[in-house]
Amino acid sequence: MQLEQLKDLVVDTLNDMKARDITVMDVRGKTAVTDYMILASGTSDRHVKAVAETVAYRAKEAGEQALGTEGISDGEWALVDLNGVVVHVMLPKVRDFYNLERLWSAPALVSDSSAKHSVAAGGL
């Protein structure tokens, strides 16, 4: 399955399961871990669990076995790692607290060559 098809499958599954506030972030160039991070909110811990389990199940049906899942038993924040797509399903309060959208939309830090020179010369 192509990466774009997998992303669409995940988004369709989240919509089918009535997940809320679905956000797709293209994180290529920001991390080597994945290409897309998809965030969604569940309405309760049971809903978070059901949504994450269904995402993993439908991906497997389509030939994409999840590399791993985390947090499904707790239900506050569940993660499904589909290699090129990582899915986070969270309760709204957890999502607000961690604010992953802001974290992953921040520009990458670029080191200043003059600062490196100062450190190497013992200037800092």
PDB file of N, CA and C in Angstrom:
ATOM      1  N   MET A   1       0.850  -1.180   0.000  1.00  0.00           N
ATOM      2  CA  MET A   1       0.000   0.000   0.000  1.00  0.00           C
ATOM      3  C   MET A   1       0.891   1.237   0.000  1.00  0.00           C
ATOM      4  N   GLN A   2       0.550   2.190  -0.821  1.00  0.00           N
ATOM      5  CA  GLN A   2       1.286   3.446  -0.901  1.00  0.00           C
ATOM      6  C   GLN A   2       1.023   4.290   0.346  1.00  0.00           C
ATOM      7  N   LEU A   3       1.969   5.146   0.662  1.00  0.00           N
ATOM      8  CA  LEU A   3       1.882   5.999   1.844  1.00  0.00           C
ATOM      9  C   LEU A   3       0.615   6.858   1.840  1.00  0.00           C
ATOM     10  N   GLU A   4       0.303   7.466   0.716  1.00  0.00           N
ATOM     11  CA  GLU A   4      -0.885   8.331   0.631  1.00  0.00           C
ATOM     12  C   GLU A   4      -2.165   7.520   0.835  1.00  0.00           C
ATOM     13  N   GLN A   5      -2.188   6.303   0.327  1.00  0.00           N
ATOM     14  CA  GLN A   5      -3.356   5.436   0.517  1.00  0.00           C
ATOM     15  C   GLN A   5      -3.512   5.069   1.991  1.00  0.00           C
ATOM     16  N   LEU A   6      -2.402   4.788   2.659  1.00  0.00           N
ATOM     17  CA  LEU A   6      -2.439   4.460   4.074  1.00  0.00           C
ATOM     18  C   LEU A   6      -2.941   5.653   4.882  1.00  0.00           C
ATOM     19  N   LYS A   7      -2.440   6.835   4.560  1.00  0.00           N
ATOM     20  CA  LYS A   7      -2.893   8.056   5.244  1.00  0.00           C
ATOM     21  C   LYS A   7      -4.391   8.228   5.054  1.00  0.00           C
ATOM     22  N   ASP A   8      -4.875   8.049   3.841  1.00  0.00           N
ATOM     23  CA  ASP A   8      -6.309   8.191   3.560  1.00  0.00           C
ATOM     24  C   ASP A   8      -7.127   7.129   4.292  1.00  0.00           C
ATOM     25  N   LEU A   9      -6.612   5.896   4.353  1.00  0.00           N
ATOM     26  CA  LEU A   9      -7.298   4.832   5.085  1.00  0.00           C
ATOM     27  C   LEU A   9      -7.455   5.199   6.556  1.00  0.00           C
ATOM     28  N   VAL A  10      -6.390   5.724   7.141  1.00  0.00           N
ATOM     29  CA  VAL A  10      -6.436   6.122   8.554  1.00  0.00           C
ATOM     30  C   VAL A  10      -7.456   7.237   8.763  1.00  0.00           C
ATOM     31  N   VAL A  11      -7.416   8.256   7.925  1.00  0.00           N
ATOM     32  CA  VAL A  11      -8.349   9.382   8.065  1.00  0.00           C
ATOM     33  C   VAL A  11      -9.787   8.906   7.879  1.00  0.00           C
ATOM     34  N   ASP A  12     -10.025   8.049   6.894  1.00  0.00           N
ATOM     35  CA  ASP A  12     -11.371   7.509   6.681  1.00  0.00           C
ATOM     36  C   ASP A  12     -11.842   6.713   7.898  1.00  0.00           C
ATOM     37  N   THR A  13     -10.946   5.916   8.469  1.00  0.00           N
ATOM     38  CA  THR A  13     -11.289   5.124   9.657  1.00  0.00           C
ATOM     39  C   THR A  13     -11.608   6.038  10.835  1.00  0.00           C
ATOM     40  N   LEU A  14     -10.805   7.066  11.030  1.00  0.00           N
ATOM     41  CA  LEU A  14     -11.069   8.013  12.118  1.00  0.00           C
ATOM     42  C   LEU A  14     -12.426   8.681  11.935  1.00  0.00           C
ATOM     43  N   ASN A  15     -12.745   9.056  10.706  1.00  0.00           N
ATOM     44  CA  ASN A  15     -14.057   9.649  10.434  1.00  0.00           C
ATOM     45  C   ASN A  15     -15.181   8.651  10.678  1.00  0.00           C
ATOM     46  N   ASP A  16     -14.994   7.414  10.209  1.00  0.00           N
ATOM     47  CA  ASP A  16     -16.006   6.371  10.424  1.00  0.00           C
ATOM     48  C   ASP A  16     -16.270   6.132  11.904  1.00  0.00           C
ATOM     49  N   MET A  17     -15.224   6.237  12.710  1.00  0.00           N
ATOM     50  CA  MET A  17     -15.335   5.980  14.148  1.00  0.00           C
ATOM     51  C   MET A  17     -15.737   7.229  14.941  1.00  0.00           C
ATOM     52  N   LYS A  18     -16.048   8.298  14.234  1.00  0.00           N
ATOM     53  CA  LYS A  18     -16.507   9.556  14.854  1.00  0.00           C
ATOM     54  C   LYS A  18     -15.451  10.202  15.746  1.00  0.00           C
ATOM     55  N   ALA A  19     -14.171  10.018  15.378  1.00  0.00           N
ATOM     56  CA  ALA A  19     -13.113  10.740  16.089  1.00  0.00           C
ATOM     57  C   ALA A  19     -13.282  12.220  15.781  1.00  0.00           C
ATOM     58  N   ARG A  20     -12.815  13.060  16.675  1.00  0.00           N
ATOM     59  CA  ARG A  20     -12.985  14.503  16.522  1.00  0.00           C
ATOM     60  C   ARG A  20     -11.650  15.187  16.257  1.00  0.00           C
ATOM     61  N   ASP A  21     -11.728  16.370  15.664  1.00  0.00           N
ATOM     62  CA  ASP A  21     -10.560  17.246  15.482  1.00  0.00           C
ATOM     63  C   ASP A  21      -9.370  16.507  14.856  1.00  0.00           C
ATOM     64  N   ILE A  22      -9.604  15.882  13.732  1.00  0.00           N
ATOM     65  CA  ILE A  22      -8.555  15.122  13.049  1.00  0.00           C
ATOM     66  C   ILE A  22      -7.580  16.100  12.389  1.00  0.00           C
ATOM     67  N   THR A  23      -6.300  15.912  12.692  1.00  0.00           N
ATOM     68  CA  THR A  23      -5.243  16.745  12.124  1.00  0.00           C
ATOM     69  C   THR A  23      -4.193  15.846  11.496  1.00  0.00           C
ATOM     70  N   VAL A  24      -3.857  16.126  10.238  1.00  0.00           N
ATOM     71  CA  VAL A  24      -2.812  15.385   9.537  1.00  0.00           C
ATOM     72  C   VAL A  24      -1.618  16.321   9.405  1.00  0.00           C
ATOM     73  N   MET A  25      -0.459  15.880   9.915  1.00  0.00           N
ATOM     74  CA  MET A  25       0.761  16.686   9.841  1.00  0.00           C
ATOM     75  C   MET A  25       1.816  15.951   9.023  1.00  0.00           C
ATOM     76  N   ASP A  26       2.327  16.622   8.026  1.00  0.00           N
ATOM     77  CA  ASP A  26       3.425  16.099   7.219  1.00  0.00           C
ATOM     78  C   ASP A  26       4.713  16.462   7.963  1.00  0.00           C
ATOM     79  N   VAL A  27       5.381  15.463   8.522  1.00  0.00           N
ATOM     80  CA  VAL A  27       6.581  15.721   9.329  1.00  0.00           C
ATOM     81  C   VAL A  27       7.858  15.255   8.619  1.00  0.00           C
ATOM     82  N   ARG A  28       7.743  15.024   7.317  1.00  0.00           N
ATOM     83  CA  ARG A  28       8.947  14.684   6.549  1.00  0.00           C
ATOM     84  C   ARG A  28       9.908  15.864   6.636  1.00  0.00           C
ATOM     85  N   GLY A  29      11.148  15.574   6.860  1.00  0.00           N
ATOM     86  CA  GLY A  29      12.147  16.622   7.006  1.00  0.00           C
ATOM     87  C   GLY A  29      12.294  17.103   8.444  1.00  0.00           C
ATOM     88  N   LYS A  30      11.363  16.714   9.323  1.00  0.00           N
ATOM     89  CA  LYS A  30      11.454  17.090  10.741  1.00  0.00           C
ATOM     90  C   LYS A  30      11.846  15.912  11.614  1.00  0.00           C
ATOM     91  N   THR A  31      11.583  14.707  11.132  1.00  0.00           N
ATOM     92  CA  THR A  31      11.926  13.506  11.877  1.00  0.00           C
ATOM     93  C   THR A  31      12.118  12.351  10.903  1.00  0.00           C
ATOM     94  N   ALA A  32      12.943  11.407  11.288  1.00  0.00           N
ATOM     95  CA  ALA A  32      13.144  10.203  10.480  1.00  0.00           C
ATOM     96  C   ALA A  32      12.226   9.079  10.938  1.00  0.00           C
ATOM     97  N   VAL A  33      11.448   9.330  11.969  1.00  0.00           N
ATOM     98  CA  VAL A  33      10.587   8.308  12.562  1.00  0.00           C
ATOM     99  C   VAL A  33       9.403   7.971  11.664  1.00  0.00           C
ATOM    100  N   THR A  34       8.803   8.977  11.034  1.00  0.00           N
ATOM    101  CA  THR A  34       7.605   8.777  10.235  1.00  0.00           C
ATOM    102  C   THR A  34       7.472   9.895   9.212  1.00  0.00           C
ATOM    103  N   ASP A  35       6.552   9.731   8.287  1.00  0.00           N
ATOM    104  CA  ASP A  35       6.276  10.769   7.299  1.00  0.00           C
ATOM    105  C   ASP A  35       5.065  11.615   7.687  1.00  0.00           C
ATOM    106  N   TYR A  36       4.047  10.947   8.234  1.00  0.00           N
ATOM    107  CA  TYR A  36       2.834  11.647   8.657  1.00  0.00           C
ATOM    108  C   TYR A  36       2.511  11.318  10.103  1.00  0.00           C
ATOM    109  N   MET A  37       2.097  12.339  10.824  1.00  0.00           N
ATOM    110  CA  MET A  37       1.562  12.167  12.154  1.00  0.00           C
ATOM    111  C   MET A  37       0.105  12.598  12.080  1.00  0.00           C
ATOM    112  N   ILE A  38      -0.780  11.722  12.521  1.00  0.00           N
ATOM    113  CA  ILE A  38      -2.206  12.028  12.489  1.00  0.00           C
ATOM    114  C   ILE A  38      -2.707  12.030  13.922  1.00  0.00           C
ATOM    115  N   LEU A  39      -3.358  13.132  14.305  1.00  0.00           N
ATOM    116  CA  LEU A  39      -3.900  13.280  15.645  1.00  0.00           C
ATOM    117  C   LEU A  39      -5.412  13.336  15.577  1.00  0.00           C
ATOM    118  N   ALA A  40      -6.050  12.752  16.578  1.00  0.00           N
ATOM    119  CA  ALA A  40      -7.501  12.795  16.673  1.00  0.00           C
ATOM    120  C   ALA A  40      -7.890  12.717  18.145  1.00  0.00           C
ATOM    121  N   SER A  41      -9.054  13.222  18.441  1.00  0.00           N
ATOM    122  CA  SER A  41      -9.564  13.173  19.815  1.00  0.00           C
ATOM    123  C   SER A  41     -10.707  12.177  19.907  1.00  0.00           C
ATOM    124  N   GLY A  42     -10.749  11.491  21.041  1.00  0.00           N
ATOM    125  CA  GLY A  42     -11.857  10.602  21.356  1.00  0.00           C
ATOM    126  C   GLY A  42     -12.716  11.247  22.425  1.00  0.00           C
ATOM    127  N   THR A  43     -13.936  10.790  22.544  1.00  0.00           N
ATOM    128  CA  THR A  43     -14.877  11.402  23.488  1.00  0.00           C
ATOM    129  C   THR A  43     -14.814  10.793  24.883  1.00  0.00           C
ATOM    130  N   SER A  44     -14.198   9.626  25.009  1.00  0.00           N
ATOM    131  CA  SER A  44     -14.054   8.952  26.307  1.00  0.00           C
ATOM    132  C   SER A  44     -12.897   7.971  26.202  1.00  0.00           C
ATOM    133  N   ASP A  45     -12.472   7.409  27.325  1.00  0.00           N
ATOM    134  CA  ASP A  45     -11.372   6.447  27.264  1.00  0.00           C
ATOM    135  C   ASP A  45     -11.754   5.220  26.432  1.00  0.00           C
ATOM    136  N   ARG A  46     -13.004   4.796  26.508  1.00  0.00           N
ATOM    137  CA  ARG A  46     -13.459   3.656  25.704  1.00  0.00           C
ATOM    138  C   ARG A  46     -13.446   3.999  24.218  1.00  0.00           C
ATOM    139  N   HIS A  47     -13.816   5.228  23.899  1.00  0.00           N
ATOM    140  CA  HIS A  47     -13.808   5.662  22.504  1.00  0.00           C
ATOM    141  C   HIS A  47     -12.379   5.719  21.973  1.00  0.00           C
ATOM    142  N   VAL A  48     -11.444   6.249  22.752  1.00  0.00           N
ATOM    143  CA  VAL A  48     -10.031   6.308  22.352  1.00  0.00           C
ATOM    144  C   VAL A  48      -9.529   4.893  22.049  1.00  0.00           C
ATOM    145  N   LYS A  49      -9.818   3.946  22.939  1.00  0.00           N
ATOM    146  CA  LYS A  49      -9.397   2.555  22.737  1.00  0.00           C
ATOM    147  C   LYS A  49      -9.984   1.979  21.454  1.00  0.00           C
ATOM    148  N   ALA A  50     -11.292   2.158  21.272  1.00  0.00           N
ATOM    149  CA  ALA A  50     -11.981   1.593  20.113  1.00  0.00           C
ATOM    150  C   ALA A  50     -11.448   2.181  18.813  1.00  0.00           C
ATOM    151  N   VAL A  51     -11.217   3.472  18.803  1.00  0.00           N
ATOM    152  CA  VAL A  51     -10.708   4.126  17.596  1.00  0.00           C
ATOM    153  C   VAL A  51      -9.319   3.592  17.258  1.00  0.00           C
ATOM    154  N   ALA A  52      -8.429   3.544  18.222  1.00  0.00           N
ATOM    155  CA  ALA A  52      -7.060   3.068  17.980  1.00  0.00           C
ATOM    156  C   ALA A  52      -7.054   1.607  17.533  1.00  0.00           C
ATOM    157  N   GLU A  53      -7.847   0.773  18.182  1.00  0.00           N
ATOM    158  CA  GLU A  53      -7.912  -0.633  17.803  1.00  0.00           C
ATOM    159  C   GLU A  53      -8.450  -0.803  16.387  1.00  0.00           C
ATOM    160  N   THR A  54      -9.440  -0.001  16.024  1.00  0.00           N
ATOM    161  CA  THR A  54     -10.023  -0.087  14.688  1.00  0.00           C
ATOM    162  C   THR A  54      -9.037   0.385  13.619  1.00  0.00           C
ATOM    163  N   VAL A  55      -8.273   1.425  13.915  1.00  0.00           N
ATOM    164  CA  VAL A  55      -7.244   1.885  12.979  1.00  0.00           C
ATOM    165  C   VAL A  55      -6.243   0.757  12.725  1.00  0.00           C
ATOM    166  N   ALA A  56      -5.767   0.121  13.794  1.00  0.00           N
ATOM    167  CA  ALA A  56      -4.798  -0.976  13.648  1.00  0.00           C
ATOM    168  C   ALA A  56      -5.409  -2.148  12.879  1.00  0.00           C
ATOM    169  N   TYR A  57      -6.659  -2.472  13.169  1.00  0.00           N
ATOM    170  CA  TYR A  57      -7.339  -3.588  12.511  1.00  0.00           C
ATOM    171  C   TYR A  57      -7.527  -3.340  11.016  1.00  0.00           C
ATOM    172  N   ARG A  58      -8.014  -2.149  10.668  1.00  0.00           N
ATOM    173  CA  ARG A  58      -8.260  -1.843   9.249  1.00  0.00           C
ATOM    174  C   ARG A  58      -6.958  -1.742   8.458  1.00  0.00           C
ATOM    175  N   ALA A  59      -5.919  -1.257   9.093  1.00  0.00           N
ATOM    176  CA  ALA A  59      -4.617  -1.218   8.420  1.00  0.00           C
ATOM    177  C   ALA A  59      -4.131  -2.644   8.161  1.00  0.00           C
ATOM    178  N   LYS A  60      -4.300  -3.502   9.137  1.00  0.00           N
ATOM    179  CA  LYS A  60      -3.892  -4.897   8.975  1.00  0.00           C
ATOM    180  C   LYS A  60      -4.698  -5.567   7.861  1.00  0.00           C
ATOM    181  N   GLU A  61      -6.002  -5.302   7.814  1.00  0.00           N
ATOM    182  CA  GLU A  61      -6.849  -5.846   6.745  1.00  0.00           C
ATOM    183  C   GLU A  61      -6.353  -5.404   5.363  1.00  0.00           C
ATOM    184  N   ALA A  62      -5.809  -4.202   5.301  1.00  0.00           N
ATOM    185  CA  ALA A  62      -5.313  -3.649   4.036  1.00  0.00           C
ATOM    186  C   ALA A  62      -3.878  -4.069   3.743  1.00  0.00           C
ATOM    187  N   GLY A  63      -3.294  -4.907   4.618  1.00  0.00           N
ATOM    188  CA  GLY A  63      -1.953  -5.417   4.387  1.00  0.00           C
ATOM    189  C   GLY A  63      -0.846  -4.646   5.078  1.00  0.00           C
ATOM    190  N   GLU A  64      -1.210  -3.718   5.965  1.00  0.00           N
ATOM    191  CA  GLU A  64      -0.216  -2.920   6.696  1.00  0.00           C
ATOM    192  C   GLU A  64      -0.285  -3.252   8.188  1.00  0.00           C
ATOM    193  N   GLN A  65       0.569  -4.150   8.619  1.00  0.00           N
ATOM    194  CA  GLN A  65       0.623  -4.538  10.032  1.00  0.00           C
ATOM    195  C   GLN A  65       1.220  -3.394  10.849  1.00  0.00           C
ATOM    196  N   ALA A  66       0.590  -3.054  11.958  1.00  0.00           N
ATOM    197  CA  ALA A  66       1.133  -2.024  12.847  1.00  0.00           C
ATOM    198  C   ALA A  66       2.463  -2.508  13.419  1.00  0.00           C
ATOM    199  N   LEU A  67       3.446  -1.610  13.445  1.00  0.00           N
ATOM    200  CA  LEU A  67       4.733  -1.943  14.058  1.00  0.00           C
ATOM    201  C   LEU A  67       4.586  -2.036  15.568  1.00  0.00           C
ATOM    202  N   GLY A  68       3.610  -1.309  16.101  1.00  0.00           N
ATOM    203  CA  GLY A  68       3.369  -1.351  17.532  1.00  0.00           C
ATOM    204  C   GLY A  68       2.217  -0.446  17.908  1.00  0.00           C
ATOM    205  N   THR A  69       1.715  -0.681  19.106  1.00  0.00           N
ATOM    206  CA  THR A  69       0.678   0.168  19.678  1.00  0.00           C
ATOM    207  C   THR A  69       1.059   0.453  21.123  1.00  0.00           C
ATOM    208  N   GLU A  70       0.654   1.586  21.600  1.00  0.00           N
ATOM    209  CA  GLU A  70       0.928   1.974  22.990  1.00  0.00           C
ATOM    210  C   GLU A  70      -0.308   2.647  23.566  1.00  0.00           C
ATOM    211  N   GLY A  71      -0.548   2.452  24.847  1.00  0.00           N
ATOM    212  CA  GLY A  71      -1.565   3.192  25.571  1.00  0.00           C
ATOM    213  C   GLY A  71      -3.002   2.781  25.331  1.00  0.00           C
ATOM    214  N   ILE A  72      -3.225   1.759  24.537  1.00  0.00           N
ATOM    215  CA  ILE A  72      -4.605   1.371  24.242  1.00  0.00           C
ATOM    216  C   ILE A  72      -5.322   0.901  25.502  1.00  0.00           C
ATOM    217  N   SER A  73      -4.632   0.214  26.392  1.00  0.00           N
ATOM    218  CA  SER A  73      -5.293  -0.283  27.611  1.00  0.00           C
ATOM    219  C   SER A  73      -5.692   0.847  28.553  1.00  0.00           C
ATOM    220  N   ASP A  74      -4.953   1.969  28.538  1.00  0.00           N
ATOM    221  CA  ASP A  74      -5.280   3.097  29.412  1.00  0.00           C
ATOM    222  C   ASP A  74      -6.399   3.955  28.847  1.00  0.00           C
ATOM    223  N   GLY A  75      -6.343   4.230  27.563  1.00  0.00           N
ATOM    224  CA  GLY A  75      -7.415   4.961  26.913  1.00  0.00           C
ATOM    225  C   GLY A  75      -7.344   6.469  26.974  1.00  0.00           C
ATOM    226  N   GLU A  76      -6.311   7.025  27.586  1.00  0.00           N
ATOM    227  CA  GLU A  76      -6.187   8.485  27.581  1.00  0.00           C
ATOM    228  C   GLU A  76      -5.438   8.947  26.341  1.00  0.00           C
ATOM    229  N   TRP A  77      -4.431   8.185  25.940  1.00  0.00           N
ATOM    230  CA  TRP A  77      -3.617   8.506  24.778  1.00  0.00           C
ATOM    231  C   TRP A  77      -3.168   7.184  24.173  1.00  0.00           C
ATOM    232  N   ALA A  78      -3.654   6.884  22.992  1.00  0.00           N
ATOM    233  CA  ALA A  78      -3.274   5.657  22.302  1.00  0.00           C
ATOM    234  C   ALA A  78      -2.483   6.022  21.057  1.00  0.00           C
ATOM    235  N   LEU A  79      -1.460   5.242  20.783  1.00  0.00           N
ATOM    236  CA  LEU A  79      -0.606   5.467  19.619  1.00  0.00           C
ATOM    237  C   LEU A  79      -0.592   4.201  18.782  1.00  0.00           C
ATOM    238  N   VAL A  80      -0.735   4.365  17.475  1.00  0.00           N
ATOM    239  CA  VAL A  80      -0.627   3.256  16.536  1.00  0.00           C
ATOM    240  C   VAL A  80       0.470   3.622  15.548  1.00  0.00           C
ATOM    241  N   ASP A  81       1.536   2.824  15.525  1.00  0.00           N
ATOM    242  CA  ASP A  81       2.679   3.074  14.644  1.00  0.00           C
ATOM    243  C   ASP A  81       2.540   2.212  13.399  1.00  0.00           C
ATOM    244  N   LEU A  82       2.248   2.868  12.284  1.00  0.00           N
ATOM    245  CA  LEU A  82       2.116   2.186  11.003  1.00  0.00           C
ATOM    246  C   LEU A  82       3.309   2.492  10.100  1.00  0.00           C
ATOM    247  N   ASN A  83       4.440   2.775  10.709  1.00  0.00           N
ATOM    248  CA  ASN A  83       5.700   3.101  10.049  1.00  0.00           C
ATOM    249  C   ASN A  83       5.638   4.469   9.394  1.00  0.00           C
ATOM    250  N   GLY A  84       5.101   4.599   8.202  1.00  0.00           N
ATOM    251  CA  GLY A  84       5.045   5.888   7.523  1.00  0.00           C
ATOM    252  C   GLY A  84       3.977   6.813   8.066  1.00  0.00           C
ATOM    253  N   VAL A  85       3.068   6.257   8.862  1.00  0.00           N
ATOM    254  CA  VAL A  85       1.995   7.027   9.480  1.00  0.00           C
ATOM    255  C   VAL A  85       1.919   6.637  10.956  1.00  0.00           C
ATOM    256  N   VAL A  86       2.039   7.628  11.828  1.00  0.00           N
ATOM    257  CA  VAL A  86       1.873   7.396  13.265  1.00  0.00           C
ATOM    258  C   VAL A  86       0.599   8.100  13.688  1.00  0.00           C
ATOM    259  N   VAL A  87      -0.278   7.357  14.355  1.00  0.00           N
ATOM    260  CA  VAL A  87      -1.591   7.863  14.740  1.00  0.00           C
ATOM    261  C   VAL A  87      -1.649   8.027  16.254  1.00  0.00           C
ATOM    262  N   HIS A  88      -2.052   9.222  16.687  1.00  0.00           N
ATOM    263  CA  HIS A  88      -2.262   9.509  18.104  1.00  0.00           C
ATOM    264  C   HIS A  88      -3.752   9.764  18.303  1.00  0.00           C
ATOM    265  N   VAL A  89      -4.375   9.018  19.198  1.00  0.00           N
ATOM    266  CA  VAL A  89      -5.774   9.257  19.559  1.00  0.00           C
ATOM    267  C   VAL A  89      -5.778   9.579  21.042  1.00  0.00           C
ATOM    268  N   MET A  90      -6.306  10.753  21.389  1.00  0.00           N
ATOM    269  CA  MET A  90      -6.210  11.234  22.769  1.00  0.00           C
ATOM    270  C   MET A  90      -7.534  11.796  23.268  1.00  0.00           C
ATOM    271  N   LEU A  91      -7.660  11.797  24.575  1.00  0.00           N
ATOM    272  CA  LEU A  91      -8.741  12.559  25.179  1.00  0.00           C
ATOM    273  C   LEU A  91      -8.426  14.042  24.991  1.00  0.00           C
ATOM    274  N   PRO A  92      -9.439  14.874  24.845  1.00  0.00           N
ATOM    275  CA  PRO A  92      -9.187  16.303  24.612  1.00  0.00           C
ATOM    276  C   PRO A  92      -8.280  16.962  25.657  1.00  0.00           C
ATOM    277  N   LYS A  93      -8.433  16.615  26.930  1.00  0.00           N
ATOM    278  CA  LYS A  93      -7.603  17.245  27.971  1.00  0.00           C
ATOM    279  C   LYS A  93      -6.131  16.861  27.811  1.00  0.00           C
ATOM    280  N   VAL A  94      -5.866  15.638  27.396  1.00  0.00           N
ATOM    281  CA  VAL A  94      -4.494  15.181  27.177  1.00  0.00           C
ATOM    282  C   VAL A  94      -3.921  15.859  25.933  1.00  0.00           C
ATOM    283  N   ARG A  95      -4.726  15.951  24.910  1.00  0.00           N
ATOM    284  CA  ARG A  95      -4.281  16.602  23.675  1.00  0.00           C
ATOM    285  C   ARG A  95      -3.978  18.073  23.915  1.00  0.00           C
ATOM    286  N   ASP A  96      -4.818  18.743  24.671  1.00  0.00           N
ATOM    287  CA  ASP A  96      -4.568  20.156  24.990  1.00  0.00           C
ATOM    288  C   ASP A  96      -3.284  20.320  25.795  1.00  0.00           C
ATOM    289  N   PHE A  97      -3.044  19.411  26.736  1.00  0.00           N
ATOM    290  CA  PHE A  97      -1.868  19.510  27.600  1.00  0.00           C
ATOM    291  C   PHE A  97      -0.575  19.345  26.801  1.00  0.00           C
ATOM    292  N   TYR A  98      -0.502  18.318  25.957  1.00  0.00           N
ATOM    293  CA  TYR A  98       0.737  18.040  25.221  1.00  0.00           C
ATOM    294  C   TYR A  98       0.885  18.874  23.952  1.00  0.00           C
ATOM    295  N   ASN A  99      -0.210  19.304  23.366  1.00  0.00           N
ATOM    296  CA  ASN A  99      -0.220  20.208  22.222  1.00  0.00           C
ATOM    297  C   ASN A  99       0.808  19.809  21.152  1.00  0.00           C
ATOM    298  N   LEU A 100       0.681  18.581  20.667  1.00  0.00           N
ATOM    299  CA  LEU A 100       1.624  18.061  19.673  1.00  0.00           C
ATOM    300  C   LEU A 100       1.600  18.856  18.370  1.00  0.00           C
ATOM    301  N   GLU A 101       0.471  19.435  18.033  1.00  0.00           N
ATOM    302  CA  GLU A 101       0.400  20.240  16.819  1.00  0.00           C
ATOM    303  C   GLU A 101       1.410  21.387  16.881  1.00  0.00           C
ATOM    304  N   ARG A 102       1.470  22.055  18.000  1.00  0.00           N
ATOM    305  CA  ARG A 102       2.418  23.162  18.147  1.00  0.00           C
ATOM    306  C   ARG A 102       3.854  22.648  18.152  1.00  0.00           C
ATOM    307  N   LEU A 103       4.087  21.558  18.833  1.00  0.00           N
ATOM    308  CA  LEU A 103       5.425  20.983  18.914  1.00  0.00           C
ATOM    309  C   LEU A 103       5.961  20.632  17.529  1.00  0.00           C
ATOM    310  N   TRP A 104       5.140  19.972  16.704  1.00  0.00           N
ATOM    311  CA  TRP A 104       5.608  19.523  15.402  1.00  0.00           C
ATOM    312  C   TRP A 104       5.497  20.585  14.321  1.00  0.00           C
ATOM    313  N   SER A 105       4.832  21.686  14.592  1.00  0.00           N
ATOM    314  CA  SER A 105       4.769  22.743  13.589  1.00  0.00           C
ATOM    315  C   SER A 105       5.858  23.788  13.808  1.00  0.00           C
ATOM    316  N   ALA A 106       6.547  23.717  14.952  1.00  0.00           N
ATOM    317  CA  ALA A 106       7.627  24.663  15.234  1.00  0.00           C
ATOM    318  C   ALA A 106       8.767  24.437  14.248  1.00  0.00           C
ATOM    319  N   PRO A 107       9.406  25.507  13.784  1.00  0.00           N
ATOM    320  CA  PRO A 107      10.529  25.330  12.856  1.00  0.00           C
ATOM    321  C   PRO A 107      11.699  24.638  13.546  1.00  0.00           C
ATOM    322  N   ALA A 108      12.441  23.898  12.777  1.00  0.00           N
ATOM    323  CA  ALA A 108      13.630  23.226  13.319  1.00  0.00           C
ATOM    324  C   ALA A 108      14.663  24.277  13.710  1.00  0.00           C
ATOM    325  N   LEU A 109      15.401  24.004  14.774  1.00  0.00           N
ATOM    326  CA  LEU A 109      16.444  24.925  15.207  1.00  0.00           C
ATOM    327  C   LEU A 109      17.633  24.836  14.261  1.00  0.00           C
ATOM    328  N   VAL A 110      18.144  25.964  13.885  1.00  0.00           N
ATOM    329  CA  VAL A 110      19.316  26.018  13.014  1.00  0.00           C
ATOM    330  C   VAL A 110      20.460  26.571  13.850  1.00  0.00           C
ATOM    331  N   SER A 111      21.551  25.836  13.894  1.00  0.00           N
ATOM    332  CA  SER A 111      22.668  26.306  14.708  1.00  0.00           C
ATOM    333  C   SER A 111      23.398  27.436  13.993  1.00  0.00           C
ATOM    334  N   ASP A 112      23.883  28.338  14.778  1.00  0.00           N
ATOM    335  CA  ASP A 112      24.604  29.511  14.264  1.00  0.00           C
ATOM    336  C   ASP A 112      26.090  29.168  14.217  1.00  0.00           C
ATOM    337  N   SER A 113      26.718  29.322  13.056  1.00  0.00           N
ATOM    338  CA  SER A 113      28.125  28.953  12.912  1.00  0.00           C
ATOM    339  C   SER A 113      29.025  29.799  13.798  1.00  0.00           C
ATOM    340  N   SER A 114      28.642  31.050  14.090  1.00  0.00           N
ATOM    341  CA  SER A 114      29.472  31.897  14.966  1.00  0.00           C
ATOM    342  C   SER A 114      29.412  31.392  16.392  1.00  0.00           C
ATOM    343  N   ALA A 115      28.270  30.828  16.792  1.00  0.00           N
ATOM    344  CA  ALA A 115      28.173  30.274  18.145  1.00  0.00           C
ATOM    345  C   ALA A 115      29.071  29.049  18.261  1.00  0.00           C
ATOM    346  N   LYS A 116      29.137  28.232  17.213  1.00  0.00           N
ATOM    347  CA  LYS A 116      30.029  27.074  17.232  1.00  0.00           C
ATOM    348  C   LYS A 116      31.470  27.524  17.351  1.00  0.00           C
ATOM    349  N   HIS A 117      31.818  28.580  16.623  1.00  0.00           N
ATOM    350  CA  HIS A 117      33.177  29.108  16.658  1.00  0.00           C
ATOM    351  C   HIS A 117      33.513  29.601  18.074  1.00  0.00           C
ATOM    352  N   SER A 118      32.566  30.269  18.708  1.00  0.00           N
ATOM    353  CA  SER A 118      32.804  30.783  20.066  1.00  0.00           C
ATOM    354  C   SER A 118      33.014  29.660  21.040  1.00  0.00           C
ATOM    355  N   VAL A 119      32.215  28.601  20.922  1.00  0.00           N
ATOM    356  CA  VAL A 119      32.353  27.462  21.831  1.00  0.00           C
ATOM    357  C   VAL A 119      33.694  26.784  21.606  1.00  0.00           C
ATOM    358  N   ALA A 120      34.056  26.586  20.346  1.00  0.00           N
ATOM    359  CA  ALA A 120      35.325  25.922  20.034  1.00  0.00           C
ATOM    360  C   ALA A 120      36.504  26.737  20.512  1.00  0.00           C
ATOM    361  N   ALA A 121      36.355  28.053  20.507  1.00  0.00           N
ATOM    362  CA  ALA A 121      37.453  28.917  20.932  1.00  0.00           C
ATOM    363  C   ALA A 121      37.416  29.166  22.435  1.00  0.00           C
ATOM    364  N   GLY A 122      36.467  28.545  23.128  1.00  0.00           N
ATOM    365  CA  GLY A 122      36.377  28.736  24.569  1.00  0.00           C
ATOM    366  C   GLY A 122      35.670  30.029  24.957  1.00  0.00           C
ATOM    367  N   GLY A 123      34.912  30.602  24.024  1.00  0.00           N
ATOM    368  CA  GLY A 123      34.243  31.873  24.281  1.00  0.00           C
ATOM    369  C   GLY A 123      32.976  31.760  25.102  1.00  0.00           C
ATOM    370  N   LEU A 124      32.426  30.556  25.271  1.00  0.00           N
ATOM    371  CA  LEU A 124      31.193  30.456  26.061  1.00  0.00           C
ATOM    372  C   LEU A 124      31.411  29.780  27.346  1.00  0.00           C
TER     373      LEU A 124
END
